[in-house]
Amino acid sequence: MSLVPSLLQAIVKVDGEAMVMHAGDKPYVVSPTGQVELASRGLTLDAVNGIVGQLLPSEIQNALEEFGAIQYELPALPEFPSEHFTVVAARGGDDVWVEIRRRRVPDEDRIPDELFPAASGIRSSCCYTCRATTAGSGRIDAGRSCSCGGCCDGACAAAGSNRRARRDADDVRGA
């Protein structure tokens, strides 16, 4: 059973902006009223690594190992229709830091599903690099182009994937 929906629910429940998890520290949600601690003890390195394993697909975990930092947009979940979540993580030696950032989508900015034509033969989940399909819908998401080549016959290559992972890692480090 995935821990991800519970983590996201903890953020939404307190109207939080982000959840922060760091090995050795208590996890907390940043909310309008301040930090809301989620545990009475700090997380172990193994616990944070386990959470990373559930939050990130294997190719993004590999990028985290290789580059030391990543940024990954979680696929849309039906339980959170007006929410977008982004995972930012950094690793250095025996230290791991993870932040799940929340971005609300106002109802007036949402595009109705009926405006998207259904496409057959396209997988409903997509790799991180392209994120071109909407989870569970099996259709291409408007305004996004595939860059993985495997989900919807897009035009990217592994080199493009690595460039994006490096760029995202640089964004996290502030380079």
N, C-alpha and C. Protein backbone atom coordinates (compact mmCIF):
# COMPACT_ATOMS: atom_id res chain seq x y z
N MET A 1 0.84 -1.18 0.00
CA MET A 1 0.00 0.00 0.00
C MET A 1 0.88 1.24 0.00
N SER A 2 0.55 2.20 -0.84
CA SER A 2 1.36 3.40 -0.99
C SER A 2 1.09 4.40 0.13
N LEU A 3 2.15 5.01 0.56
CA LEU A 3 2.10 6.04 1.59
C LEU A 3 1.80 7.41 0.98
N VAL A 4 1.95 7.54 -0.32
CA VAL A 4 1.85 8.83 -1.00
C VAL A 4 0.53 9.55 -0.74
N PRO A 5 -0.64 8.91 -0.93
CA PRO A 5 -1.89 9.65 -0.68
C PRO A 5 -1.99 10.17 0.76
N SER A 6 -1.48 9.42 1.73
CA SER A 6 -1.52 9.87 3.13
C SER A 6 -0.65 11.10 3.33
N LEU A 7 0.52 11.11 2.70
CA LEU A 7 1.40 12.29 2.80
C LEU A 7 0.72 13.52 2.20
N LEU A 8 0.12 13.34 1.03
CA LEU A 8 -0.54 14.47 0.37
C LEU A 8 -1.74 14.95 1.17
N GLN A 9 -2.49 14.00 1.75
CA GLN A 9 -3.65 14.36 2.56
C GLN A 9 -3.23 15.17 3.78
N ALA A 10 -2.08 14.84 4.36
CA ALA A 10 -1.59 15.58 5.52
C ALA A 10 -1.32 17.04 5.15
N ILE A 11 -0.83 17.27 3.95
CA ILE A 11 -0.57 18.64 3.49
C ILE A 11 -1.89 19.39 3.29
N VAL A 12 -2.82 18.75 2.59
CA VAL A 12 -4.11 19.38 2.26
C VAL A 12 -4.92 19.64 3.53
N LYS A 13 -4.91 18.69 4.45
CA LYS A 13 -5.72 18.79 5.67
C LYS A 13 -5.43 20.05 6.47
N VAL A 14 -4.18 20.47 6.53
CA VAL A 14 -3.83 21.68 7.29
C VAL A 14 -3.65 22.89 6.37
N ASP A 15 -4.14 22.76 5.12
CA ASP A 15 -4.02 23.82 4.12
C ASP A 15 -2.55 24.22 3.95
N GLY A 16 -1.68 23.21 3.95
CA GLY A 16 -0.26 23.46 3.89
C GLY A 16 0.25 23.79 2.51
N GLU A 17 1.45 24.35 2.49
CA GLU A 17 2.13 24.68 1.24
C GLU A 17 3.15 23.63 0.88
N ALA A 18 3.69 22.94 1.90
CA ALA A 18 4.73 21.94 1.65
C ALA A 18 4.89 21.04 2.86
N MET A 19 5.43 19.85 2.60
CA MET A 19 5.83 18.93 3.66
C MET A 19 7.33 18.76 3.55
N VAL A 20 8.01 18.79 4.69
CA VAL A 20 9.46 18.65 4.72
C VAL A 20 9.83 17.42 5.54
N MET A 21 10.68 16.58 4.95
CA MET A 21 11.17 15.38 5.63
C MET A 21 12.68 15.35 5.48
N HIS A 22 13.37 15.25 6.60
CA HIS A 22 14.82 15.26 6.61
C HIS A 22 15.29 14.19 7.59
N ALA A 23 16.24 13.38 7.17
CA ALA A 23 16.75 12.33 8.04
C ALA A 23 17.24 12.93 9.35
N GLY A 24 16.74 12.40 10.47
CA GLY A 24 17.13 12.87 11.79
C GLY A 24 16.19 13.90 12.38
N ASP A 25 15.32 14.49 11.56
CA ASP A 25 14.40 15.52 12.04
C ASP A 25 12.96 15.03 11.98
N LYS A 26 12.09 15.69 12.75
CA LYS A 26 10.66 15.39 12.70
C LYS A 26 10.10 15.93 11.39
N PRO A 27 9.24 15.15 10.71
CA PRO A 27 8.61 15.69 9.50
C PRO A 27 7.58 16.75 9.89
N TYR A 28 7.41 17.74 9.02
CA TYR A 28 6.45 18.79 9.32
C TYR A 28 5.85 19.35 8.03
N VAL A 29 4.69 19.99 8.20
CA VAL A 29 4.01 20.67 7.10
C VAL A 29 4.13 22.16 7.35
N VAL A 30 4.48 22.90 6.32
CA VAL A 30 4.52 24.36 6.37
C VAL A 30 3.10 24.84 6.05
N SER A 31 2.46 25.47 7.04
CA SER A 31 1.08 25.92 6.85
C SER A 31 1.01 27.42 7.08
N PRO A 32 -0.15 28.02 6.79
CA PRO A 32 -0.29 29.46 7.01
C PRO A 32 -0.09 29.87 8.47
N THR A 33 -0.29 28.94 9.39
CA THR A 33 -0.13 29.26 10.81
C THR A 33 1.23 28.86 11.35
N GLY A 34 2.11 28.35 10.50
CA GLY A 34 3.44 27.93 10.93
C GLY A 34 3.67 26.46 10.66
N GLN A 35 4.69 25.91 11.28
CA GLN A 35 5.02 24.51 11.08
C GLN A 35 4.12 23.62 11.93
N VAL A 36 3.60 22.56 11.28
CA VAL A 36 2.79 21.57 11.97
C VAL A 36 3.58 20.27 11.96
N GLU A 37 4.06 19.85 13.13
CA GLU A 37 4.85 18.63 13.22
C GLU A 37 3.94 17.42 13.05
N LEU A 38 4.46 16.42 12.35
CA LEU A 38 3.68 15.23 12.03
C LEU A 38 4.09 14.00 12.83
N ALA A 39 5.14 14.09 13.61
CA ALA A 39 5.61 12.95 14.38
C ALA A 39 6.26 13.44 15.66
N SER A 40 6.38 12.52 16.60
CA SER A 40 7.01 12.89 17.87
C SER A 40 8.52 12.66 17.86
N ARG A 41 9.01 11.93 16.84
CA ARG A 41 10.45 11.64 16.73
C ARG A 41 10.92 11.95 15.31
N GLY A 42 12.23 12.09 15.20
CA GLY A 42 12.82 12.33 13.90
C GLY A 42 12.77 11.08 13.04
N LEU A 43 12.81 11.28 11.74
CA LEU A 43 12.82 10.16 10.78
C LEU A 43 14.22 9.59 10.65
N THR A 44 14.30 8.30 10.55
CA THR A 44 15.59 7.66 10.30
C THR A 44 15.94 7.80 8.83
N LEU A 45 17.20 7.60 8.51
CA LEU A 45 17.64 7.62 7.11
C LEU A 45 16.89 6.57 6.31
N ASP A 46 16.71 5.38 6.89
CA ASP A 46 15.98 4.32 6.19
C ASP A 46 14.54 4.71 5.93
N ALA A 47 13.92 5.40 6.88
CA ALA A 47 12.53 5.83 6.69
C ALA A 47 12.43 6.84 5.54
N VAL A 48 13.31 7.81 5.51
CA VAL A 48 13.28 8.81 4.44
C VAL A 48 13.57 8.13 3.10
N ASN A 49 14.53 7.22 3.07
CA ASN A 49 14.82 6.48 1.82
C ASN A 49 13.60 5.68 1.37
N GLY A 50 12.86 5.09 2.32
CA GLY A 50 11.64 4.36 1.97
C GLY A 50 10.58 5.26 1.37
N ILE A 51 10.45 6.45 1.93
CA ILE A 51 9.49 7.43 1.40
C ILE A 51 9.89 7.86 0.00
N VAL A 52 11.18 8.11 -0.19
CA VAL A 52 11.69 8.46 -1.53
C VAL A 52 11.36 7.34 -2.52
N GLY A 53 11.52 6.10 -2.08
CA GLY A 53 11.22 4.95 -2.94
C GLY A 53 9.77 4.89 -3.36
N GLN A 54 8.86 5.38 -2.51
CA GLN A 54 7.44 5.38 -2.87
C GLN A 54 7.05 6.62 -3.68
N LEU A 55 7.72 7.73 -3.44
CA LEU A 55 7.39 8.97 -4.15
C LEU A 55 7.91 9.02 -5.58
N LEU A 56 9.09 8.45 -5.80
CA LEU A 56 9.78 8.64 -7.08
C LEU A 56 9.90 7.36 -7.88
N PRO A 57 9.68 7.45 -9.19
CA PRO A 57 9.94 6.29 -10.05
C PRO A 57 11.45 5.98 -10.06
N SER A 58 11.80 4.77 -10.44
CA SER A 58 13.20 4.34 -10.36
C SER A 58 14.15 5.22 -11.16
N GLU A 59 13.73 5.71 -12.32
CA GLU A 59 14.64 6.54 -13.12
C GLU A 59 14.94 7.88 -12.43
N ILE A 60 13.99 8.38 -11.66
CA ILE A 60 14.20 9.63 -10.93
C ILE A 60 15.05 9.36 -9.69
N GLN A 61 14.84 8.22 -9.06
CA GLN A 61 15.71 7.84 -7.95
C GLN A 61 17.16 7.72 -8.42
N ASN A 62 17.34 7.15 -9.62
CA ASN A 62 18.69 7.05 -10.18
C ASN A 62 19.29 8.43 -10.43
N ALA A 63 18.47 9.37 -10.92
CA ALA A 63 18.95 10.74 -11.14
C ALA A 63 19.33 11.39 -9.81
N LEU A 64 18.57 11.11 -8.75
CA LEU A 64 18.89 11.64 -7.43
C LEU A 64 20.24 11.10 -6.97
N GLU A 65 20.47 9.82 -7.18
CA GLU A 65 21.77 9.23 -6.81
C GLU A 65 22.91 9.86 -7.62
N GLU A 66 22.68 10.01 -8.92
CA GLU A 66 23.73 10.50 -9.82
C GLU A 66 24.03 11.99 -9.63
N PHE A 67 22.99 12.81 -9.53
CA PHE A 67 23.17 14.26 -9.53
C PHE A 67 23.07 14.90 -8.15
N GLY A 68 22.50 14.16 -7.19
CA GLY A 68 22.39 14.68 -5.83
C GLY A 68 21.14 15.48 -5.55
N ALA A 69 20.35 15.81 -6.57
CA ALA A 69 19.12 16.57 -6.36
C ALA A 69 18.19 16.36 -7.55
N ILE A 70 16.89 16.38 -7.27
CA ILE A 70 15.89 16.25 -8.35
C ILE A 70 14.68 17.12 -8.03
N GLN A 71 13.87 17.32 -9.06
CA GLN A 71 12.55 17.90 -8.92
C GLN A 71 11.64 17.06 -9.79
N TYR A 72 10.50 16.60 -9.24
CA TYR A 72 9.62 15.68 -9.95
C TYR A 72 8.17 16.04 -9.67
N GLU A 73 7.39 16.20 -10.73
CA GLU A 73 5.97 16.49 -10.58
C GLU A 73 5.22 15.17 -10.44
N LEU A 74 4.53 15.01 -9.32
CA LEU A 74 3.75 13.79 -9.12
C LEU A 74 2.59 13.75 -10.12
N PRO A 75 2.25 12.55 -10.60
CA PRO A 75 1.09 12.43 -11.49
C PRO A 75 -0.17 12.88 -10.75
N ALA A 76 -1.13 13.39 -11.49
CA ALA A 76 -2.40 13.83 -10.90
C ALA A 76 -3.11 12.64 -10.26
N LEU A 77 -3.72 12.89 -9.11
CA LEU A 77 -4.48 11.86 -8.42
C LEU A 77 -5.94 12.29 -8.34
N PRO A 78 -6.87 11.37 -8.58
CA PRO A 78 -8.29 11.75 -8.53
C PRO A 78 -8.73 12.24 -7.16
N GLU A 79 -8.04 11.81 -6.10
CA GLU A 79 -8.40 12.25 -4.75
C GLU A 79 -8.11 13.73 -4.53
N PHE A 80 -7.26 14.31 -5.38
CA PHE A 80 -6.85 15.70 -5.25
C PHE A 80 -7.00 16.41 -6.60
N PRO A 81 -8.24 16.61 -7.06
CA PRO A 81 -8.46 17.10 -8.42
C PRO A 81 -7.97 18.52 -8.68
N SER A 82 -7.89 19.35 -7.68
CA SER A 82 -7.47 20.74 -7.88
C SER A 82 -6.09 21.01 -7.31
N GLU A 83 -5.28 19.97 -7.21
CA GLU A 83 -3.97 20.08 -6.59
C GLU A 83 -2.88 19.52 -7.51
N HIS A 84 -1.74 20.16 -7.47
CA HIS A 84 -0.53 19.64 -8.12
C HIS A 84 0.54 19.56 -7.04
N PHE A 85 1.31 18.48 -7.07
CA PHE A 85 2.35 18.29 -6.08
C PHE A 85 3.68 18.05 -6.78
N THR A 86 4.71 18.68 -6.28
CA THR A 86 6.06 18.52 -6.81
C THR A 86 6.97 18.06 -5.69
N VAL A 87 7.77 17.04 -5.99
CA VAL A 87 8.74 16.53 -5.03
C VAL A 87 10.10 17.14 -5.36
N VAL A 88 10.74 17.70 -4.36
CA VAL A 88 12.10 18.20 -4.50
C VAL A 88 12.92 17.42 -3.47
N ALA A 89 14.00 16.81 -3.92
CA ALA A 89 14.81 16.01 -3.01
C ALA A 89 16.29 16.26 -3.26
N ALA A 90 17.06 16.13 -2.18
CA ALA A 90 18.51 16.27 -2.28
C ALA A 90 19.15 15.19 -1.41
N ARG A 91 20.27 14.69 -1.89
CA ARG A 91 20.99 13.64 -1.18
C ARG A 91 22.46 13.98 -1.19
N GLY A 92 23.10 13.78 -0.05
CA GLY A 92 24.54 13.98 0.04
C GLY A 92 25.09 13.09 1.14
N GLY A 93 25.87 12.10 0.76
CA GLY A 93 26.41 11.16 1.74
C GLY A 93 25.29 10.42 2.43
N ASP A 94 25.25 10.50 3.76
CA ASP A 94 24.20 9.84 4.54
C ASP A 94 23.10 10.80 4.93
N ASP A 95 22.85 11.80 4.12
CA ASP A 95 21.84 12.79 4.40
C ASP A 95 20.84 12.84 3.25
N VAL A 96 19.56 12.82 3.57
CA VAL A 96 18.51 12.92 2.56
C VAL A 96 17.49 13.94 3.05
N TRP A 97 17.08 14.82 2.15
CA TRP A 97 16.08 15.84 2.43
C TRP A 97 15.03 15.77 1.33
N VAL A 98 13.75 15.76 1.71
CA VAL A 98 12.65 15.67 0.74
C VAL A 98 11.61 16.73 1.09
N GLU A 99 11.14 17.40 0.06
CA GLU A 99 10.05 18.37 0.24
C GLU A 99 9.00 18.05 -0.80
N ILE A 100 7.74 18.00 -0.36
CA ILE A 100 6.61 17.86 -1.28
C ILE A 100 5.91 19.20 -1.29
N ARG A 101 5.93 19.86 -2.43
CA ARG A 101 5.33 21.19 -2.56
C ARG A 101 3.94 21.08 -3.17
N ARG A 102 3.03 21.87 -2.67
CA ARG A 102 1.64 21.87 -3.13
C ARG A 102 1.36 23.13 -3.93
N ARG A 103 0.67 22.93 -5.04
CA ARG A 103 0.21 24.08 -5.83
C ARG A 103 -1.27 23.84 -6.13
N ARG A 104 -2.09 24.78 -5.71
CA ARG A 104 -3.53 24.67 -5.95
C ARG A 104 -3.87 25.20 -7.34
N VAL A 105 -4.82 24.55 -7.98
CA VAL A 105 -5.30 25.01 -9.28
C VAL A 105 -6.72 25.52 -9.08
N PRO A 106 -6.92 26.83 -9.22
CA PRO A 106 -8.28 27.37 -9.04
C PRO A 106 -9.25 26.74 -10.04
N ASP A 107 -10.49 26.53 -9.60
CA ASP A 107 -11.49 25.90 -10.47
C ASP A 107 -11.64 26.62 -11.79
N GLU A 108 -11.51 27.94 -11.77
CA GLU A 108 -11.69 28.70 -13.02
C GLU A 108 -10.54 28.46 -14.01
N ASP A 109 -9.41 27.93 -13.52
CA ASP A 109 -8.27 27.64 -14.39
C ASP A 109 -8.25 26.20 -14.91
N ARG A 110 -9.14 25.37 -14.40
CA ARG A 110 -9.17 23.97 -14.82
C ARG A 110 -9.82 23.85 -16.19
N ILE A 111 -9.29 22.98 -16.99
CA ILE A 111 -9.83 22.71 -18.32
C ILE A 111 -10.71 21.48 -18.22
N PRO A 112 -11.98 21.58 -18.66
CA PRO A 112 -12.89 20.44 -18.57
C PRO A 112 -12.38 19.24 -19.38
N ASP A 113 -12.56 18.04 -18.83
CA ASP A 113 -12.12 16.81 -19.48
C ASP A 113 -12.73 16.62 -20.86
N GLU A 114 -13.95 17.07 -21.05
CA GLU A 114 -14.62 16.86 -22.34
C GLU A 114 -13.95 17.61 -23.50
N LEU A 115 -13.07 18.56 -23.19
CA LEU A 115 -12.35 19.27 -24.25
C LEU A 115 -11.18 18.47 -24.81
N PHE A 116 -10.83 17.37 -24.15
CA PHE A 116 -9.72 16.54 -24.61
C PHE A 116 -10.26 15.32 -25.33
N PRO A 117 -9.87 15.13 -26.60
CA PRO A 117 -10.32 13.93 -27.29
C PRO A 117 -9.62 12.71 -26.70
N ALA A 118 -10.36 11.61 -26.62
CA ALA A 118 -9.76 10.37 -26.11
C ALA A 118 -8.85 9.79 -27.18
N ALA A 119 -7.68 9.33 -26.78
CA ALA A 119 -6.73 8.71 -27.71
C ALA A 119 -6.58 7.26 -27.32
N SER A 120 -6.69 6.39 -28.29
CA SER A 120 -6.58 4.96 -27.99
C SER A 120 -5.13 4.52 -28.13
N GLY A 121 -4.78 3.50 -27.38
CA GLY A 121 -3.45 2.91 -27.49
C GLY A 121 -2.37 3.65 -26.75
N ILE A 122 -2.70 4.67 -25.99
CA ILE A 122 -1.70 5.42 -25.24
C ILE A 122 -1.79 4.99 -23.78
N ARG A 123 -0.67 4.66 -23.20
CA ARG A 123 -0.67 4.23 -21.82
C ARG A 123 -1.11 5.36 -20.91
N SER A 124 -1.75 4.98 -19.79
CA SER A 124 -2.28 6.00 -18.91
C SER A 124 -1.25 6.57 -17.95
N SER A 125 -0.14 5.90 -17.77
CA SER A 125 0.90 6.48 -16.95
C SER A 125 2.11 6.72 -17.83
N CYS A 126 2.88 7.70 -17.50
CA CYS A 126 3.97 8.10 -18.36
C CYS A 126 5.23 8.29 -17.54
N CYS A 127 6.36 8.27 -18.19
CA CYS A 127 7.60 8.47 -17.45
C CYS A 127 7.71 9.91 -16.99
N TYR A 128 8.62 10.15 -16.06
CA TYR A 128 8.83 11.49 -15.51
C TYR A 128 9.19 12.48 -16.60
N THR A 129 10.03 12.06 -17.50
CA THR A 129 10.60 12.99 -18.45
C THR A 129 9.53 13.68 -19.27
N CYS A 130 8.54 12.93 -19.73
CA CYS A 130 7.56 13.62 -20.58
C CYS A 130 6.32 14.05 -19.81
N ARG A 131 5.88 13.26 -18.85
CA ARG A 131 4.67 13.57 -18.08
C ARG A 131 3.55 14.03 -19.01
N ALA A 132 3.45 13.41 -20.18
CA ALA A 132 2.52 13.89 -21.19
C ALA A 132 1.12 13.35 -21.03
N THR A 133 0.93 12.28 -20.30
CA THR A 133 -0.41 11.77 -20.14
C THR A 133 -0.94 12.12 -18.76
N THR A 134 -2.25 12.23 -18.69
CA THR A 134 -2.89 12.49 -17.43
C THR A 134 -3.16 11.15 -16.78
N ALA A 135 -2.73 10.97 -15.56
CA ALA A 135 -2.84 9.68 -14.88
C ALA A 135 -4.26 9.15 -14.96
N GLY A 136 -4.38 7.93 -15.44
CA GLY A 136 -5.66 7.26 -15.49
C GLY A 136 -6.54 7.61 -16.67
N SER A 137 -6.20 8.63 -17.43
CA SER A 137 -7.09 9.03 -18.52
C SER A 137 -6.69 8.45 -19.86
N GLY A 138 -5.41 8.15 -20.04
CA GLY A 138 -4.96 7.59 -21.30
C GLY A 138 -4.94 8.58 -22.44
N ARG A 139 -4.85 9.86 -22.16
CA ARG A 139 -4.81 10.84 -23.24
C ARG A 139 -3.67 11.82 -23.00
N ILE A 140 -3.27 12.47 -24.05
CA ILE A 140 -2.18 13.44 -23.96
C ILE A 140 -2.69 14.69 -23.26
N ASP A 141 -1.90 15.21 -22.37
CA ASP A 141 -2.23 16.40 -21.62
C ASP A 141 -1.95 17.63 -22.48
N ALA A 142 -2.88 18.56 -22.51
CA ALA A 142 -2.74 19.75 -23.34
C ALA A 142 -1.52 20.56 -22.95
N GLY A 143 -0.83 21.07 -23.93
CA GLY A 143 0.28 21.97 -23.67
C GLY A 143 1.57 21.28 -23.30
N ARG A 144 1.61 19.96 -23.31
CA ARG A 144 2.82 19.24 -22.98
C ARG A 144 3.20 18.35 -24.15
N SER A 145 4.46 18.28 -24.40
CA SER A 145 4.91 17.40 -25.47
C SER A 145 5.69 16.26 -24.87
N CYS A 146 5.53 15.10 -25.46
CA CYS A 146 6.22 13.93 -24.94
C CYS A 146 7.70 14.03 -25.25
N SER A 147 8.50 13.59 -24.29
CA SER A 147 9.93 13.61 -24.51
C SER A 147 10.56 12.28 -24.14
N CYS A 148 9.75 11.25 -24.04
CA CYS A 148 10.34 9.97 -23.66
C CYS A 148 10.35 8.99 -24.82
N GLY A 149 9.47 9.13 -25.78
CA GLY A 149 9.44 8.23 -26.91
C GLY A 149 8.71 6.94 -26.63
N GLY A 150 8.42 6.61 -25.40
CA GLY A 150 7.79 5.35 -25.09
C GLY A 150 6.31 5.45 -24.80
N CYS A 151 5.84 6.61 -24.40
CA CYS A 151 4.45 6.72 -23.98
C CYS A 151 3.52 7.07 -25.14
N CYS A 152 3.97 7.94 -26.00
CA CYS A 152 3.09 8.37 -27.08
C CYS A 152 3.87 8.66 -28.35
N ASP A 153 4.90 7.87 -28.56
CA ASP A 153 5.73 8.02 -29.76
C ASP A 153 6.32 9.41 -29.89
N GLY A 154 6.74 10.00 -28.78
CA GLY A 154 7.37 11.32 -28.78
C GLY A 154 8.76 11.25 -29.36
N ALA A 155 9.44 12.36 -29.33
CA ALA A 155 10.70 12.46 -30.05
C ALA A 155 11.93 12.59 -29.16
N CYS A 156 11.80 12.38 -27.87
CA CYS A 156 12.99 12.56 -27.05
C CYS A 156 13.86 11.32 -27.05
N ALA A 157 15.03 11.46 -26.51
CA ALA A 157 15.96 10.34 -26.38
C ALA A 157 16.50 10.36 -24.96
N ALA A 158 17.22 9.35 -24.60
CA ALA A 158 17.78 9.27 -23.25
C ALA A 158 18.62 10.50 -22.94
N ALA A 159 19.31 11.01 -23.93
CA ALA A 159 20.14 12.20 -23.70
C ALA A 159 19.28 13.37 -23.26
N GLY A 160 18.11 13.51 -23.86
CA GLY A 160 17.20 14.58 -23.46
C GLY A 160 16.73 14.39 -22.03
N SER A 161 16.47 13.16 -21.65
CA SER A 161 16.06 12.86 -20.28
C SER A 161 17.15 13.26 -19.31
N ASN A 162 18.38 12.94 -19.63
CA ASN A 162 19.48 13.28 -18.74
C ASN A 162 19.67 14.79 -18.64
N ARG A 163 19.50 15.49 -19.75
CA ARG A 163 19.61 16.95 -19.71
C ARG A 163 18.56 17.54 -18.77
N ARG A 164 17.32 17.03 -18.85
CA ARG A 164 16.26 17.55 -18.00
C ARG A 164 16.57 17.25 -16.54
N ALA A 165 17.01 16.04 -16.23
CA ALA A 165 17.34 15.70 -14.85
C ALA A 165 18.45 16.62 -14.33
N ARG A 166 19.47 16.87 -15.17
CA ARG A 166 20.55 17.77 -14.75
C ARG A 166 20.02 19.18 -14.51
N ARG A 167 19.16 19.66 -15.41
CA ARG A 167 18.60 21.00 -15.26
C ARG A 167 17.76 21.10 -13.99
N ASP A 168 16.94 20.09 -13.73
CA ASP A 168 16.13 20.10 -12.52
C ASP A 168 17.01 20.06 -11.27
N ALA A 169 18.08 19.29 -11.33
CA ALA A 169 19.01 19.23 -10.19
C ALA A 169 19.66 20.59 -9.97
N ASP A 170 20.02 21.26 -11.06
CA ASP A 170 20.61 22.59 -10.95
C ASP A 170 19.62 23.57 -10.36
N ASP A 171 18.32 23.45 -10.75
CA ASP A 171 17.29 24.33 -10.21
C ASP A 171 17.18 24.17 -8.69
N VAL A 172 17.26 22.92 -8.23
CA VAL A 172 17.15 22.66 -6.80
C VAL A 172 18.34 23.24 -6.06
N ARG A 173 19.55 23.10 -6.62
CA ARG A 173 20.74 23.60 -5.97
C ARG A 173 20.88 25.10 -6.11
N GLY A 174 20.08 25.71 -6.98
CA GLY A 174 20.16 27.16 -7.17
C GLY A 174 21.28 27.56 -8.11
N ALA A 175 21.73 26.60 -8.94
CA ALA A 175 22.82 26.89 -9.87
C ALA A 175 22.33 27.68 -11.05
